Amino acid sequence: MESIVMDSCYIESGSIIAAGAVLLEGSKVGKCKIWAGVPAKKVKDISPELFEGEVMRKANHYVKYSGWFKEETKD
């Protein structure tokens, strides 16, 4: 599922836009915030420590594990 980010939005580092969210034109998402909904709004603040530790760890593992389920191409 995707999120939709309209033109002229500003999203600072360490922020998360939820799947299915619609970020309206010109929205400004501050550092370490979680936005969700249609239209998207701030639902939670997260600490920079939590983002760097837990969130990034899970994101890196997601990329690693997703590779296990890719279809193999036949030559």
Protein backbone atom coordinates (compact mmCIF):
# COMPACT_ATOMS: atom_id res chain seq x y z
CA MET A 1 0.00 0.00 0.00
CA GLU A 2 1.28 3.45 -0.83
CA SER A 3 0.94 6.91 0.61
CA ILE A 4 0.24 9.95 -1.57
CA VAL A 5 2.33 13.09 -1.12
CA MET A 6 1.01 16.12 -3.00
CA ASP A 7 3.15 18.95 -4.40
CA SER A 8 5.13 21.38 -2.23
CA CYS A 9 5.18 19.17 0.87
CA TYR A 10 8.12 19.39 3.26
CA ILE A 11 9.00 16.25 5.20
CA GLU A 12 11.85 16.44 7.69
CA SER A 13 14.24 13.59 8.40
CA GLY A 14 13.11 11.01 10.90
CA SER A 15 9.41 11.30 10.06
CA ILE A 16 7.06 8.54 8.98
CA ILE A 17 4.12 8.85 6.57
CA ALA A 18 1.78 5.89 7.10
CA ALA A 19 0.68 3.56 4.31
CA GLY A 20 -2.53 4.81 2.72
CA ALA A 21 -2.06 8.37 4.00
CA VAL A 22 -2.73 11.38 1.78
CA LEU A 23 -0.47 14.33 2.58
CA LEU A 24 -2.14 17.46 1.21
CA GLU A 25 -0.36 20.07 -0.90
CA GLY A 26 1.95 22.32 1.12
CA SER A 27 1.91 20.17 4.27
CA LYS A 28 4.90 20.50 6.60
CA VAL A 29 5.88 17.41 8.56
CA GLY A 30 8.30 18.16 11.40
CA LYS A 31 11.20 16.00 12.52
CA CYS A 32 10.33 12.71 14.27
CA LYS A 33 6.58 12.79 13.67
CA ILE A 34 4.17 10.10 12.47
CA TRP A 35 1.41 11.24 10.11
CA ALA A 36 -1.52 9.08 9.01
CA GLY A 37 -5.03 9.33 7.60
CA VAL A 38 -6.94 10.89 4.72
CA PRO A 39 -6.13 13.71 4.80
CA ALA A 40 -2.98 12.99 6.80
CA LYS A 41 -2.47 14.61 10.18
CA LYS A 42 0.05 14.19 12.97
CA VAL A 43 -0.85 11.22 15.15
CA LYS A 44 2.29 10.85 17.26
CA ASP A 45 5.68 12.28 18.14
CA ILE A 46 8.62 9.88 18.34
CA SER A 47 11.93 10.52 20.04
CA PRO A 48 15.06 10.77 17.87
CA GLU A 49 16.56 7.93 19.91
CA LEU A 50 13.60 5.66 19.17
CA PHE A 51 13.77 6.52 15.47
CA GLU A 52 17.51 5.85 15.20
CA GLY A 53 17.36 2.67 17.23
CA GLU A 54 14.12 0.77 16.82
CA VAL A 55 12.59 2.23 13.64
CA MET A 56 15.78 2.11 11.56
CA ARG A 57 16.60 -1.40 12.81
CA LYS A 58 13.19 -2.66 11.70
CA ALA A 59 13.41 -0.84 8.37
CA ASN A 60 16.81 -2.37 7.60
CA HIS A 61 15.57 -5.85 8.49
CA TYR A 62 12.47 -5.37 6.33
CA VAL A 63 14.62 -4.72 3.27
CA LYS A 64 16.78 -7.76 4.08
CA TYR A 65 13.83 -10.10 4.67
CA SER A 66 11.87 -8.92 1.64
CA GLY A 67 14.68 -10.24 -0.55
CA TRP A 68 13.92 -13.74 0.67
CA PHE A 69 10.50 -13.66 -0.99
CA LYS A 70 11.36 -12.23 -4.41
CA GLU A 71 10.51 -14.48 -7.29
CA GLU A 72 13.45 -16.11 -8.93
CA THR A 73 13.75 -15.32 -12.62
CA LYS A 74 14.25 -18.18 -15.04
CA ASP A 75 16.99 -17.87 -17.65
